[in-house]
Amino acid sequence: AFGVSLTEGMLCGCIPVSVRHIGPEEIVSKDVGLLIDELDINKAKEAINTALKMPWDIRNRARFRVIKSFSLKDREENILKILNQLETV
């Protein structure tokens, strides 16, 4: 489950909070965000409060994770590859 809004928030310096084994763990990892073990409102509130207090170096790390992992060049190449495959069908 990949969320565009998640990466948009990270690009703006937001710290992502997600649920382990449900959310997009390929994007949210310990070095750029917070993962809670289960879907629990109290654990989520605690994690969000923690995220709001995190320093800018971690916020920048989250931002650069998105820039590195989902570069415009990579997305352009993937879109063109798909379009070329559609032309041959």
PDB file of N, CA and C in Angstrom:
ATOM      1  N   ALA A   1       0.859  -1.179   0.000  1.00  0.00           N
ATOM      2  CA  ALA A   1       0.000   0.000   0.000  1.00  0.00           C
ATOM      3  C   ALA A   1       0.891   1.223   0.000  1.00  0.00           C
ATOM      4  N   PHE A   2       0.962   1.857  -1.135  1.00  0.00           N
ATOM      5  CA  PHE A   2       1.811   3.035  -1.273  1.00  0.00           C
ATOM      6  C   PHE A   2       0.935   4.268  -1.286  1.00  0.00           C
ATOM      7  N   GLY A   3       1.267   5.234  -0.462  1.00  0.00           N
ATOM      8  CA  GLY A   3       0.462   6.444  -0.397  1.00  0.00           C
ATOM      9  C   GLY A   3       1.204   7.654  -0.910  1.00  0.00           C
ATOM     10  N   VAL A   4       0.645   8.277  -1.925  1.00  0.00           N
ATOM     11  CA  VAL A   4       1.252   9.493  -2.452  1.00  0.00           C
ATOM     12  C   VAL A   4       1.203  10.601  -1.404  1.00  0.00           C
ATOM     13  N   SER A   5       0.104  10.681  -0.661  1.00  0.00           N
ATOM     14  CA  SER A   5       0.002  11.725   0.357  1.00  0.00           C
ATOM     15  C   SER A   5       1.075  11.551   1.434  1.00  0.00           C
ATOM     16  N   LEU A   6       1.449  10.316   1.714  1.00  0.00           N
ATOM     17  CA  LEU A   6       2.514  10.061   2.682  1.00  0.00           C
ATOM     18  C   LEU A   6       3.823  10.681   2.205  1.00  0.00           C
ATOM     19  N   THR A   7       4.184  10.425   0.967  1.00  0.00           N
ATOM     20  CA  THR A   7       5.441  10.968   0.452  1.00  0.00           C
ATOM     21  C   THR A   7       5.369  12.476   0.279  1.00  0.00           C
ATOM     22  N   GLU A   8       4.204  13.010  -0.054  1.00  0.00           N
ATOM     23  CA  GLU A   8       4.057  14.462  -0.146  1.00  0.00           C
ATOM     24  C   GLU A   8       4.306  15.113   1.216  1.00  0.00           C
ATOM     25  N   GLY A   9       3.758  14.490   2.259  1.00  0.00           N
ATOM     26  CA  GLY A   9       4.002  14.999   3.608  1.00  0.00           C
ATOM     27  C   GLY A   9       5.472  14.938   3.980  1.00  0.00           C
ATOM     28  N   MET A  10       6.119  13.832   3.642  1.00  0.00           N
ATOM     29  CA  MET A  10       7.543  13.689   3.938  1.00  0.00           C
ATOM     30  C   MET A  10       8.359  14.737   3.195  1.00  0.00           C
ATOM     31  N   LEU A  11       7.975  15.042   1.966  1.00  0.00           N
ATOM     32  CA  LEU A  11       8.683  16.078   1.206  1.00  0.00           C
ATOM     33  C   LEU A  11       8.572  17.447   1.874  1.00  0.00           C
ATOM     34  N   CYS A  12       7.511  17.638   2.620  1.00  0.00           N
ATOM     35  CA  CYS A  12       7.292  18.902   3.330  1.00  0.00           C
ATOM     36  C   CYS A  12       7.886  18.886   4.734  1.00  0.00           C
ATOM     37  N   GLY A  13       8.593  17.820   5.086  1.00  0.00           N
ATOM     38  CA  GLY A  13       9.247  17.748   6.379  1.00  0.00           C
ATOM     39  C   GLY A  13       8.422  17.098   7.469  1.00  0.00           C
ATOM     40  N   CYS A  14       7.336  16.437   7.113  1.00  0.00           N
ATOM     41  CA  CYS A  14       6.533  15.732   8.110  1.00  0.00           C
ATOM     42  C   CYS A  14       7.153  14.372   8.418  1.00  0.00           C
ATOM     43  N   ILE A  15       7.035  13.968   9.671  1.00  0.00           N
ATOM     44  CA  ILE A  15       7.510  12.664  10.094  1.00  0.00           C
ATOM     45  C   ILE A  15       6.361  11.669   9.918  1.00  0.00           C
ATOM     46  N   PRO A  16       6.560  10.617   9.134  1.00  0.00           N
ATOM     47  CA  PRO A  16       5.480   9.656   8.930  1.00  0.00           C
ATOM     48  C   PRO A  16       5.294   8.724  10.130  1.00  0.00           C
ATOM     49  N   VAL A  17       4.041   8.392  10.390  1.00  0.00           N
ATOM     50  CA  VAL A  17       3.687   7.423  11.412  1.00  0.00           C
ATOM     51  C   VAL A  17       2.846   6.368  10.715  1.00  0.00           C
ATOM     52  N   SER A  18       3.225   5.102  10.883  1.00  0.00           N
ATOM     53  CA  SER A  18       2.510   4.031  10.202  1.00  0.00           C
ATOM     54  C   SER A  18       2.423   2.812  11.116  1.00  0.00           C
ATOM     55  N   VAL A  19       1.602   1.860  10.723  1.00  0.00           N
ATOM     56  CA  VAL A  19       1.426   0.633  11.488  1.00  0.00           C
ATOM     57  C   VAL A  19       2.243  -0.479  10.828  1.00  0.00           C
ATOM     58  N   ARG A  20       3.059  -1.138  11.615  1.00  0.00           N
ATOM     59  CA  ARG A  20       3.904  -2.226  11.125  1.00  0.00           C
ATOM     60  C   ARG A  20       3.035  -3.327  10.500  1.00  0.00           C
ATOM     61  N   HIS A  21       3.466  -3.839   9.373  1.00  0.00           N
ATOM     62  CA  HIS A  21       2.804  -4.920   8.631  1.00  0.00           C
ATOM     63  C   HIS A  21       1.489  -4.501   7.971  1.00  0.00           C
ATOM     64  N   ILE A  22       1.094  -3.252   8.107  1.00  0.00           N
ATOM     65  CA  ILE A  22      -0.107  -2.749   7.427  1.00  0.00           C
ATOM     66  C   ILE A  22       0.268  -1.598   6.508  1.00  0.00           C
ATOM     67  N   GLY A  23       1.088  -0.698   7.011  1.00  0.00           N
ATOM     68  CA  GLY A  23       1.453   0.493   6.263  1.00  0.00           C
ATOM     69  C   GLY A  23       2.642   0.256   5.357  1.00  0.00           C
ATOM     70  N   PRO A  24       3.042   1.293   4.671  1.00  0.00           N
ATOM     71  CA  PRO A  24       4.150   1.188   3.711  1.00  0.00           C
ATOM     72  C   PRO A  24       5.517   1.217   4.394  1.00  0.00           C
ATOM     73  N   GLU A  25       5.934   0.079   4.930  1.00  0.00           N
ATOM     74  CA  GLU A  25       7.212   0.005   5.642  1.00  0.00           C
ATOM     75  C   GLU A  25       8.407   0.221   4.724  1.00  0.00           C
ATOM     76  N   GLU A  26       8.216   0.074   3.408  1.00  0.00           N
ATOM     77  CA  GLU A  26       9.333   0.331   2.499  1.00  0.00           C
ATOM     78  C   GLU A  26       9.700   1.808   2.472  1.00  0.00           C
ATOM     79  N   ILE A  27       8.789   2.660   2.932  1.00  0.00           N
ATOM     80  CA  ILE A  27       9.053   4.104   2.972  1.00  0.00           C
ATOM     81  C   ILE A  27       9.314   4.547   4.411  1.00  0.00           C
ATOM     82  N   VAL A  28       8.473   4.093   5.329  1.00  0.00           N
ATOM     83  CA  VAL A  28       8.580   4.490   6.727  1.00  0.00           C
ATOM     84  C   VAL A  28       9.470   3.492   7.447  1.00  0.00           C
ATOM     85  N   SER A  29      10.638   3.937   7.839  1.00  0.00           N
ATOM     86  CA  SER A  29      11.538   3.085   8.610  1.00  0.00           C
ATOM     87  C   SER A  29      11.989   3.857   9.838  1.00  0.00           C
ATOM     88  N   LYS A  30      12.674   3.174  10.740  1.00  0.00           N
ATOM     89  CA  LYS A  30      13.064   3.791  12.006  1.00  0.00           C
ATOM     90  C   LYS A  30      13.881   5.070  11.833  1.00  0.00           C
ATOM     91  N   ASP A  31      14.644   5.179  10.761  1.00  0.00           N
ATOM     92  CA  ASP A  31      15.506   6.353  10.616  1.00  0.00           C
ATOM     93  C   ASP A  31      14.781   7.578  10.060  1.00  0.00           C
ATOM     94  N   VAL A  32      13.557   7.417   9.564  1.00  0.00           N
ATOM     95  CA  VAL A  32      12.835   8.577   9.019  1.00  0.00           C
ATOM     96  C   VAL A  32      11.421   8.721   9.559  1.00  0.00           C
ATOM     97  N   GLY A  33      10.964   7.776  10.367  1.00  0.00           N
ATOM     98  CA  GLY A  33       9.596   7.857  10.852  1.00  0.00           C
ATOM     99  C   GLY A  33       9.363   6.926  12.019  1.00  0.00           C
ATOM    100  N   LEU A  34       8.092   6.740  12.334  1.00  0.00           N
ATOM    101  CA  LEU A  34       7.725   5.901  13.462  1.00  0.00           C
ATOM    102  C   LEU A  34       6.755   4.819  13.010  1.00  0.00           C
ATOM    103  N   LEU A  35       7.010   3.612  13.476  1.00  0.00           N
ATOM    104  CA  LEU A  35       6.121   2.480  13.206  1.00  0.00           C
ATOM    105  C   LEU A  35       5.551   2.006  14.532  1.00  0.00           C
ATOM    106  N   ILE A  36       4.225   1.870  14.581  1.00  0.00           N
ATOM    107  CA  ILE A  36       3.617   1.281  15.763  1.00  0.00           C
ATOM    108  C   ILE A  36       3.295  -0.173  15.442  1.00  0.00           C
ATOM    109  N   ASP A  37       3.305  -1.007  16.474  1.00  0.00           N
ATOM    110  CA  ASP A  37       3.165  -2.445  16.256  1.00  0.00           C
ATOM    111  C   ASP A  37       1.755  -2.896  15.932  1.00  0.00           C
ATOM    112  N   GLU A  38       0.771  -2.170  16.402  1.00  0.00           N
ATOM    113  CA  GLU A  38      -0.608  -2.574  16.147  1.00  0.00           C
ATOM    114  C   GLU A  38      -1.481  -1.335  15.987  1.00  0.00           C
ATOM    115  N   LEU A  39      -2.594  -1.520  15.348  1.00  0.00           N
ATOM    116  CA  LEU A  39      -3.537  -0.433  15.121  1.00  0.00           C
ATOM    117  C   LEU A  39      -4.272  -0.155  16.433  1.00  0.00           C
ATOM    118  N   ASP A  40      -3.754   0.828  17.164  1.00  0.00           N
ATOM    119  CA  ASP A  40      -4.283   1.172  18.484  1.00  0.00           C
ATOM    120  C   ASP A  40      -4.282   2.692  18.599  1.00  0.00           C
ATOM    121  N   ILE A  41      -5.418   3.277  18.920  1.00  0.00           N
ATOM    122  CA  ILE A  41      -5.541   4.730  18.933  1.00  0.00           C
ATOM    123  C   ILE A  41      -4.592   5.385  19.933  1.00  0.00           C
ATOM    124  N   ASN A  42      -4.399   4.783  21.090  1.00  0.00           N
ATOM    125  CA  ASN A  42      -3.502   5.377  22.086  1.00  0.00           C
ATOM    126  C   ASN A  42      -2.047   5.329  21.638  1.00  0.00           C
ATOM    127  N   LYS A  43      -1.651   4.218  21.026  1.00  0.00           N
ATOM    128  CA  LYS A  43      -0.284   4.125  20.503  1.00  0.00           C
ATOM    129  C   LYS A  43      -0.085   5.094  19.344  1.00  0.00           C
ATOM    130  N   ALA A  44      -1.110   5.264  18.535  1.00  0.00           N
ATOM    131  CA  ALA A  44      -1.030   6.202  17.422  1.00  0.00           C
ATOM    132  C   ALA A  44      -0.901   7.637  17.934  1.00  0.00           C
ATOM    133  N   LYS A  45      -1.700   8.001  18.929  1.00  0.00           N
ATOM    134  CA  LYS A  45      -1.613   9.353  19.505  1.00  0.00           C
ATOM    135  C   LYS A  45      -0.228   9.615  20.084  1.00  0.00           C
ATOM    136  N   GLU A  46       0.305   8.635  20.777  1.00  0.00           N
ATOM    137  CA  GLU A  46       1.643   8.763  21.367  1.00  0.00           C
ATOM    138  C   GLU A  46       2.703   8.941  20.277  1.00  0.00           C
ATOM    139  N   ALA A  47       2.607   8.145  19.219  1.00  0.00           N
ATOM    140  CA  ALA A  47       3.579   8.237  18.125  1.00  0.00           C
ATOM    141  C   ALA A  47       3.477   9.577  17.410  1.00  0.00           C
ATOM    142  N   ILE A  48       2.259  10.061  17.207  1.00  0.00           N
ATOM    143  CA  ILE A  48       2.086  11.363  16.540  1.00  0.00           C
ATOM    144  C   ILE A  48       2.669  12.474  17.401  1.00  0.00           C
ATOM    145  N   ASN A  49       2.423  12.439  18.702  1.00  0.00           N
ATOM    146  CA  ASN A  49       3.012  13.445  19.593  1.00  0.00           C
ATOM    147  C   ASN A  49       4.530  13.387  19.563  1.00  0.00           C
ATOM    148  N   THR A  50       5.089  12.179  19.510  1.00  0.00           N
ATOM    149  CA  THR A  50       6.544  12.025  19.411  1.00  0.00           C
ATOM    150  C   THR A  50       7.047  12.602  18.097  1.00  0.00           C
ATOM    151  N   ALA A  51       6.356  12.286  17.008  1.00  0.00           N
ATOM    152  CA  ALA A  51       6.774  12.770  15.687  1.00  0.00           C
ATOM    153  C   ALA A  51       6.780  14.295  15.624  1.00  0.00           C
ATOM    154  N   LEU A  52       5.791  14.917  16.238  1.00  0.00           N
ATOM    155  CA  LEU A  52       5.708  16.382  16.216  1.00  0.00           C
ATOM    156  C   LEU A  52       6.879  17.048  16.928  1.00  0.00           C
ATOM    157  N   LYS A  53       7.541  16.324  17.813  1.00  0.00           N
ATOM    158  CA  LYS A  53       8.663  16.876  18.577  1.00  0.00           C
ATOM    159  C   LYS A  53      10.026  16.510  17.993  1.00  0.00           C
ATOM    160  N   MET A  54      10.039  15.759  16.908  1.00  0.00           N
ATOM    161  CA  MET A  54      11.312  15.294  16.349  1.00  0.00           C
ATOM    162  C   MET A  54      12.066  16.452  15.686  1.00  0.00           C
ATOM    163  N   PRO A  55      13.399  16.410  15.737  1.00  0.00           N
ATOM    164  CA  PRO A  55      14.217  17.499  15.209  1.00  0.00           C
ATOM    165  C   PRO A  55      14.255  17.537  13.675  1.00  0.00           C
ATOM    166  N   TRP A  56      14.707  18.667  13.158  1.00  0.00           N
ATOM    167  CA  TRP A  56      14.717  18.880  11.709  1.00  0.00           C
ATOM    168  C   TRP A  56      15.663  17.953  10.963  1.00  0.00           C
ATOM    169  N   ASP A  57      16.709  17.461  11.614  1.00  0.00           N
ATOM    170  CA  ASP A  57      17.597  16.558  10.880  1.00  0.00           C
ATOM    171  C   ASP A  57      16.853  15.276  10.486  1.00  0.00           C
ATOM    172  N   ILE A  58      15.963  14.809  11.331  1.00  0.00           N
ATOM    173  CA  ILE A  58      15.177  13.621  10.976  1.00  0.00           C
ATOM    174  C   ILE A  58      14.135  13.987   9.923  1.00  0.00           C
ATOM    175  N   ARG A  59      13.550  15.165  10.025  1.00  0.00           N
ATOM    176  CA  ARG A  59      12.592  15.627   9.017  1.00  0.00           C
ATOM    177  C   ARG A  59      13.264  15.709   7.648  1.00  0.00           C
ATOM    178  N   ASN A  60      14.484  16.226   7.627  1.00  0.00           N
ATOM    179  CA  ASN A  60      15.221  16.304   6.357  1.00  0.00           C
ATOM    180  C   ASN A  60      15.567  14.919   5.832  1.00  0.00           C
ATOM    181  N   ARG A  61      15.876  13.997   6.733  1.00  0.00           N
ATOM    182  CA  ARG A  61      16.150  12.622   6.331  1.00  0.00           C
ATOM    183  C   ARG A  61      14.920  12.010   5.651  1.00  0.00           C
ATOM    184  N   ALA A  62      13.741  12.286   6.205  1.00  0.00           N
ATOM    185  CA  ALA A  62      12.492  11.793   5.602  1.00  0.00           C
ATOM    186  C   ALA A  62      12.314  12.400   4.210  1.00  0.00           C
ATOM    187  N   ARG A  63      12.564  13.681   4.107  1.00  0.00           N
ATOM    188  CA  ARG A  63      12.435  14.385   2.824  1.00  0.00           C
ATOM    189  C   ARG A  63      13.363  13.787   1.772  1.00  0.00           C
ATOM    190  N   PHE A  64      14.612  13.579   2.144  1.00  0.00           N
ATOM    191  CA  PHE A  64      15.578  13.061   1.177  1.00  0.00           C
ATOM    192  C   PHE A  64      15.369  11.586   0.855  1.00  0.00           C
ATOM    193  N   ARG A  65      14.727  10.834   1.752  1.00  0.00           N
ATOM    194  CA  ARG A  65      14.370   9.446   1.452  1.00  0.00           C
ATOM    195  C   ARG A  65      13.440   9.423   0.238  1.00  0.00           C
ATOM    196  N   VAL A  66      12.467  10.332   0.227  1.00  0.00           N
ATOM    197  CA  VAL A  66      11.517  10.386  -0.890  1.00  0.00           C
ATOM    198  C   VAL A  66      12.215  10.846  -2.163  1.00  0.00           C
ATOM    199  N   ILE A  67      13.028  11.875  -2.049  1.00  0.00           N
ATOM    200  CA  ILE A  67      13.736  12.395  -3.225  1.00  0.00           C
ATOM    201  C   ILE A  67      14.620  11.315  -3.836  1.00  0.00           C
ATOM    202  N   LYS A  68      15.329  10.579  -2.986  1.00  0.00           N
ATOM    203  CA  LYS A  68      16.236   9.528  -3.463  1.00  0.00           C
ATOM    204  C   LYS A  68      15.460   8.332  -4.028  1.00  0.00           C
ATOM    205  N   SER A  69      14.420   7.923  -3.332  1.00  0.00           N
ATOM    206  CA  SER A  69      13.699   6.710  -3.723  1.00  0.00           C
ATOM    207  C   SER A  69      12.748   6.901  -4.890  1.00  0.00           C
ATOM    208  N   PHE A  70      12.265   8.116  -5.080  1.00  0.00           N
ATOM    209  CA  PHE A  70      11.244   8.360  -6.100  1.00  0.00           C
ATOM    210  C   PHE A  70      11.615   9.571  -6.946  1.00  0.00           C
ATOM    211  N   SER A  71      12.804   9.525  -7.521  1.00  0.00           N
ATOM    212  CA  SER A  71      13.279  10.664  -8.300  1.00  0.00           C
ATOM    213  C   SER A  71      12.430  10.864  -9.552  1.00  0.00           C
ATOM    214  N   LEU A  72      12.398  12.098 -10.014  1.00  0.00           N
ATOM    215  CA  LEU A  72      11.658  12.400 -11.239  1.00  0.00           C
ATOM    216  C   LEU A  72      12.196  11.606 -12.415  1.00  0.00           C
ATOM    217  N   LYS A  73      13.512  11.451 -12.474  1.00  0.00           N
ATOM    218  CA  LYS A  73      14.117  10.712 -13.582  1.00  0.00           C
ATOM    219  C   LYS A  73      13.654   9.254 -13.583  1.00  0.00           C
ATOM    220  N   ASP A  74      13.671   8.619 -12.413  1.00  0.00           N
ATOM    221  CA  ASP A  74      13.213   7.228 -12.325  1.00  0.00           C
ATOM    222  C   ASP A  74      11.749   7.101 -12.713  1.00  0.00           C
ATOM    223  N   ARG A  75      10.923   8.034 -12.238  1.00  0.00           N
ATOM    224  CA  ARG A  75       9.504   7.975 -12.582  1.00  0.00           C
ATOM    225  C   ARG A  75       9.288   8.185 -14.070  1.00  0.00           C
ATOM    226  N   GLU A  76      10.049   9.112 -14.654  1.00  0.00           N
ATOM    227  CA  GLU A  76       9.941   9.357 -16.098  1.00  0.00           C
ATOM    228  C   GLU A  76      10.312   8.094 -16.879  1.00  0.00           C
ATOM    229  N   GLU A  77      11.421   7.469 -16.502  1.00  0.00           N
ATOM    230  CA  GLU A  77      11.856   6.254 -17.194  1.00  0.00           C
ATOM    231  C   GLU A  77      10.812   5.143 -17.080  1.00  0.00           C
ATOM    232  N   ASN A  78      10.234   4.979 -15.899  1.00  0.00           N
ATOM    233  CA  ASN A  78       9.222   3.936 -15.704  1.00  0.00           C
ATOM    234  C   ASN A  78       7.952   4.215 -16.504  1.00  0.00           C
ATOM    235  N   ILE A  79       7.532   5.464 -16.551  1.00  0.00           N
ATOM    236  CA  ILE A  79       6.338   5.822 -17.333  1.00  0.00           C
ATOM    237  C   ILE A  79       6.589   5.576 -18.818  1.00  0.00           C
ATOM    238  N   LEU A  80       7.745   5.996 -19.310  1.00  0.00           N
ATOM    239  CA  LEU A  80       8.063   5.784 -20.724  1.00  0.00           C
ATOM    240  C   LEU A  80       8.165   4.300 -21.059  1.00  0.00           C
ATOM    241  N   LYS A  81       8.712   3.522 -20.144  1.00  0.00           N
ATOM    242  CA  LYS A  81       8.802   2.076 -20.340  1.00  0.00           C
ATOM    243  C   LYS A  81       7.402   1.463 -20.473  1.00  0.00           C
ATOM    244  N   ILE A  82       6.506   1.863 -19.603  1.00  0.00           N
ATOM    245  CA  ILE A  82       5.128   1.351 -19.652  1.00  0.00           C
ATOM    246  C   ILE A  82       4.440   1.787 -20.936  1.00  0.00           C
ATOM    247  N   LEU A  83       4.624   3.041 -21.322  1.00  0.00           N
ATOM    248  CA  LEU A  83       4.011   3.530 -22.563  1.00  0.00           C
ATOM    249  C   LEU A  83       4.546   2.765 -23.781  1.00  0.00           C
ATOM    250  N   ASN A  84       5.844   2.498 -23.792  1.00  0.00           N
ATOM    251  CA  ASN A  84       6.431   1.734 -24.895  1.00  0.00           C
ATOM    252  C   ASN A  84       5.878   0.317 -24.937  1.00  0.00           C
ATOM    253  N   GLN A  85       5.654  -0.274 -23.775  1.00  0.00           N
ATOM    254  CA  GLN A  85       5.076  -1.617 -23.732  1.00  0.00           C
ATOM    255  C   GLN A  85       3.641  -1.602 -24.251  1.00  0.00           C
ATOM    256  N   LEU A  86       2.901  -0.550 -23.966  1.00  0.00           N
ATOM    257  CA  LEU A  86       1.518  -0.436 -24.442  1.00  0.00           C
ATOM    258  C   LEU A  86       1.463  -0.289 -25.958  1.00  0.00           C
ATOM    259  N   GLU A  87       2.465   0.363 -26.536  1.00  0.00           N
ATOM    260  CA  GLU A  87       2.504   0.544 -27.986  1.00  0.00           C
ATOM    261  C   GLU A  87       2.651  -0.793 -28.716  1.00  0.00           C
ATOM    262  N   THR A  88       3.309  -1.757 -28.079  1.00  0.00           N
ATOM    263  CA  THR A  88       3.556  -3.038 -28.720  1.00  0.00           C
ATOM    264  C   THR A  88       2.396  -4.022 -28.553  1.00  0.00           C
ATOM    265  N   VAL A  89       1.402  -3.631 -27.786  1.00  0.00           N
ATOM    266  CA  VAL A  89       0.256  -4.530 -27.545  1.00  0.00           C
ATOM    267  C   VAL A  89      -0.762  -4.397 -28.670  1.00  0.00           C
TER     268      VAL A  89
END
